[in-house]
Amino acid sequence: MSLRSTLGWHSFLVVTRKGRSKCTGILRHDHAFVLMQYFGYLRRNPNDPPEPTLDFQGYNFWLNKLNQFNGDFRAAEMVKAFLVSTEYRQRFGQ
């Protein structure tokens, strides 16, 4: 069982400990950034419907994509991808 599933998303994101490395801070930022994309643009948790498998596959896809671009959400076109997604367009009528 992971720390995230034990504590829940909110607690996982706010857990801090002295002596964390810069790398850990960046990783935590990337997790938070992807989570905020779901909350802000799709208005849902990453494992809520219409997530087909309800097991964070979409969230993990976006986190991996962000990591492929070393956390550069602009180069990964993260915001654009959420805004042009079918889910976003159906929900907000664009």
C-alpha atoms as a PDB file:
ATOM      1  CA  MET A   1       0.000   0.000   0.000  1.00  0.00           C
ATOM      2  CA  SER A   2       1.441   3.358  -0.965  1.00  0.00           C
ATOM      3  CA  LEU A   3       1.702   6.445   1.197  1.00  0.00           C
ATOM      4  CA  ARG A   4      -0.694   8.182  -1.187  1.00  0.00           C
ATOM      5  CA  SER A   5      -3.424   5.556  -0.791  1.00  0.00           C
ATOM      6  CA  THR A   6      -2.914   5.369   2.971  1.00  0.00           C
ATOM      7  CA  LEU A   7      -3.097   9.100   3.625  1.00  0.00           C
ATOM      8  CA  GLY A   8      -5.238  10.261   0.723  1.00  0.00           C
ATOM      9  CA  TRP A   9      -4.313  12.843  -1.900  1.00  0.00           C
ATOM     10  CA  HIS A  10      -4.466  15.950   0.239  1.00  0.00           C
ATOM     11  CA  SER A  11      -2.344  14.549   3.039  1.00  0.00           C
ATOM     12  CA  PHE A  12       0.145  13.088   0.570  1.00  0.00           C
ATOM     13  CA  LEU A  13       0.691  16.488  -1.000  1.00  0.00           C
ATOM     14  CA  VAL A  14       1.178  18.352   2.255  1.00  0.00           C
ATOM     15  CA  VAL A  15       3.408  15.844   4.014  1.00  0.00           C
ATOM     16  CA  THR A  16       6.779  17.473   4.505  1.00  0.00           C
ATOM     17  CA  ARG A  17       9.934  16.446   6.230  1.00  0.00           C
ATOM     18  CA  LYS A  18      13.130  18.346   6.989  1.00  0.00           C
ATOM     19  CA  GLY A  19      16.046  17.444   4.788  1.00  0.00           C
ATOM     20  CA  ARG A  20      14.124  16.652   1.606  1.00  0.00           C
ATOM     21  CA  SER A  21      16.228  16.981  -1.467  1.00  0.00           C
ATOM     22  CA  LYS A  22      15.526  19.385  -4.320  1.00  0.00           C
ATOM     23  CA  CYS A  23      14.672  16.399  -6.508  1.00  0.00           C
ATOM     24  CA  THR A  24      11.970  15.250  -4.074  1.00  0.00           C
ATOM     25  CA  GLY A  25      10.511  18.755  -4.049  1.00  0.00           C
ATOM     26  CA  ILE A  26      10.338  18.782  -7.834  1.00  0.00           C
ATOM     27  CA  LEU A  27       8.721  15.346  -7.894  1.00  0.00           C
ATOM     28  CA  ARG A  28       6.144  16.479  -5.339  1.00  0.00           C
ATOM     29  CA  HIS A  29       5.484  19.588  -7.462  1.00  0.00           C
ATOM     30  CA  ASP A  30       4.923  17.447 -10.568  1.00  0.00           C
ATOM     31  CA  HIS A  31       2.401  15.267  -8.723  1.00  0.00           C
ATOM     32  CA  ALA A  32       0.618  18.369  -7.456  1.00  0.00           C
ATOM     33  CA  PHE A  33       0.646  20.006 -10.885  1.00  0.00           C
ATOM     34  CA  VAL A  34      -1.037  17.032 -12.569  1.00  0.00           C
ATOM     35  CA  LEU A  35      -3.549  16.773  -9.738  1.00  0.00           C
ATOM     36  CA  MET A  36      -4.411  20.451 -10.089  1.00  0.00           C
ATOM     37  CA  GLN A  37      -4.984  19.943 -13.834  1.00  0.00           C
ATOM     38  CA  TYR A  38      -7.668  17.416 -12.958  1.00  0.00           C
ATOM     39  CA  PHE A  39      -9.230  19.611 -10.290  1.00  0.00           C
ATOM     40  CA  GLY A  40      -8.993  22.841 -12.276  1.00  0.00           C
ATOM     41  CA  TYR A  41      -9.899  21.779 -15.804  1.00  0.00           C
ATOM     42  CA  LEU A  42     -11.898  18.582 -15.403  1.00  0.00           C
ATOM     43  CA  ARG A  43     -13.375  19.344 -11.959  1.00  0.00           C
ATOM     44  CA  ARG A  44     -12.840  15.813 -10.722  1.00  0.00           C
ATOM     45  CA  ASN A  45     -10.458  13.486  -8.948  1.00  0.00           C
ATOM     46  CA  PRO A  46      -8.108  11.586 -11.267  1.00  0.00           C
ATOM     47  CA  ASN A  47      -9.686   8.230 -10.403  1.00  0.00           C
ATOM     48  CA  ASP A  48     -13.333   9.315 -10.753  1.00  0.00           C
ATOM     49  CA  PRO A  49     -15.485   8.573 -13.815  1.00  0.00           C
ATOM     50  CA  PRO A  50     -15.162   8.967 -16.726  1.00  0.00           C
ATOM     51  CA  GLU A  51     -11.724   7.479 -15.976  1.00  0.00           C
ATOM     52  CA  PRO A  52     -12.281   4.091 -17.688  1.00  0.00           C
ATOM     53  CA  THR A  53     -10.389   1.926 -15.214  1.00  0.00           C
ATOM     54  CA  LEU A  54     -10.772   4.090 -12.063  1.00  0.00           C
ATOM     55  CA  ASP A  55      -7.178   3.299 -11.118  1.00  0.00           C
ATOM     56  CA  PHE A  56      -5.200   6.461 -11.945  1.00  0.00           C
ATOM     57  CA  GLN A  57      -4.123   5.324 -15.443  1.00  0.00           C
ATOM     58  CA  GLY A  58      -4.883   8.752 -16.892  1.00  0.00           C
ATOM     59  CA  TYR A  59      -3.170  10.529 -14.004  1.00  0.00           C
ATOM     60  CA  ASN A  60      -0.099   8.318 -14.371  1.00  0.00           C
ATOM     61  CA  PHE A  61      -0.052   8.956 -18.126  1.00  0.00           C
ATOM     62  CA  TRP A  62       0.058  12.730 -17.568  1.00  0.00           C
ATOM     63  CA  LEU A  63       2.608  12.448 -14.769  1.00  0.00           C
ATOM     64  CA  ASN A  64       4.861  10.339 -17.004  1.00  0.00           C
ATOM     65  CA  LYS A  65       4.439  12.812 -19.857  1.00  0.00           C
ATOM     66  CA  LEU A  66       5.412  15.691 -17.573  1.00  0.00           C
ATOM     67  CA  ASN A  67       8.425  13.718 -16.354  1.00  0.00           C
ATOM     68  CA  GLN A  68       9.508  13.049 -19.964  1.00  0.00           C
ATOM     69  CA  PHE A  69       9.800  16.823 -20.360  1.00  0.00           C
ATOM     70  CA  ASN A  70      11.683  17.226 -17.052  1.00  0.00           C
ATOM     71  CA  GLY A  71       8.700  18.941 -15.437  1.00  0.00           C
ATOM     72  CA  ASP A  72       8.336  21.563 -18.176  1.00  0.00           C
ATOM     73  CA  PHE A  73       4.557  21.695 -18.562  1.00  0.00           C
ATOM     74  CA  ARG A  74       4.834  24.184 -21.431  1.00  0.00           C
ATOM     75  CA  ALA A  75       7.006  21.892 -23.541  1.00  0.00           C
ATOM     76  CA  ALA A  76       4.752  18.945 -22.661  1.00  0.00           C
ATOM     77  CA  GLU A  77       1.739  21.047 -23.714  1.00  0.00           C
ATOM     78  CA  MET A  78      -0.108  19.902 -20.592  1.00  0.00           C
ATOM     79  CA  VAL A  79      -2.578  22.788 -20.337  1.00  0.00           C
ATOM     80  CA  LYS A  80      -3.383  22.686 -24.038  1.00  0.00           C
ATOM     81  CA  ALA A  81      -4.022  18.945 -23.877  1.00  0.00           C
ATOM     82  CA  PHE A  82      -6.516  19.332 -21.032  1.00  0.00           C
ATOM     83  CA  LEU A  83      -8.276  22.251 -22.735  1.00  0.00           C
ATOM     84  CA  VAL A  84      -8.763  20.434 -26.031  1.00  0.00           C
ATOM     85  CA  SER A  85      -9.714  17.121 -24.430  1.00  0.00           C
ATOM     86  CA  THR A  86     -13.098  15.676 -25.293  1.00  0.00           C
ATOM     87  CA  GLU A  87     -14.013  15.548 -21.618  1.00  0.00           C
ATOM     88  CA  TYR A  88     -13.304  19.250 -21.102  1.00  0.00           C
ATOM     89  CA  ARG A  89     -15.079  20.301 -24.285  1.00  0.00           C
ATOM     90  CA  GLN A  90     -18.173  18.236 -23.515  1.00  0.00           C
ATOM     91  CA  ARG A  91     -18.336  19.499 -19.958  1.00  0.00           C
ATOM     92  CA  PHE A  92     -17.883  23.185 -20.763  1.00  0.00           C
ATOM     93  CA  GLY A  93     -19.418  23.288 -24.239  1.00  0.00           C
ATOM     94  CA  GLN A  94     -16.461  24.435 -26.295  1.00  0.00           C
END
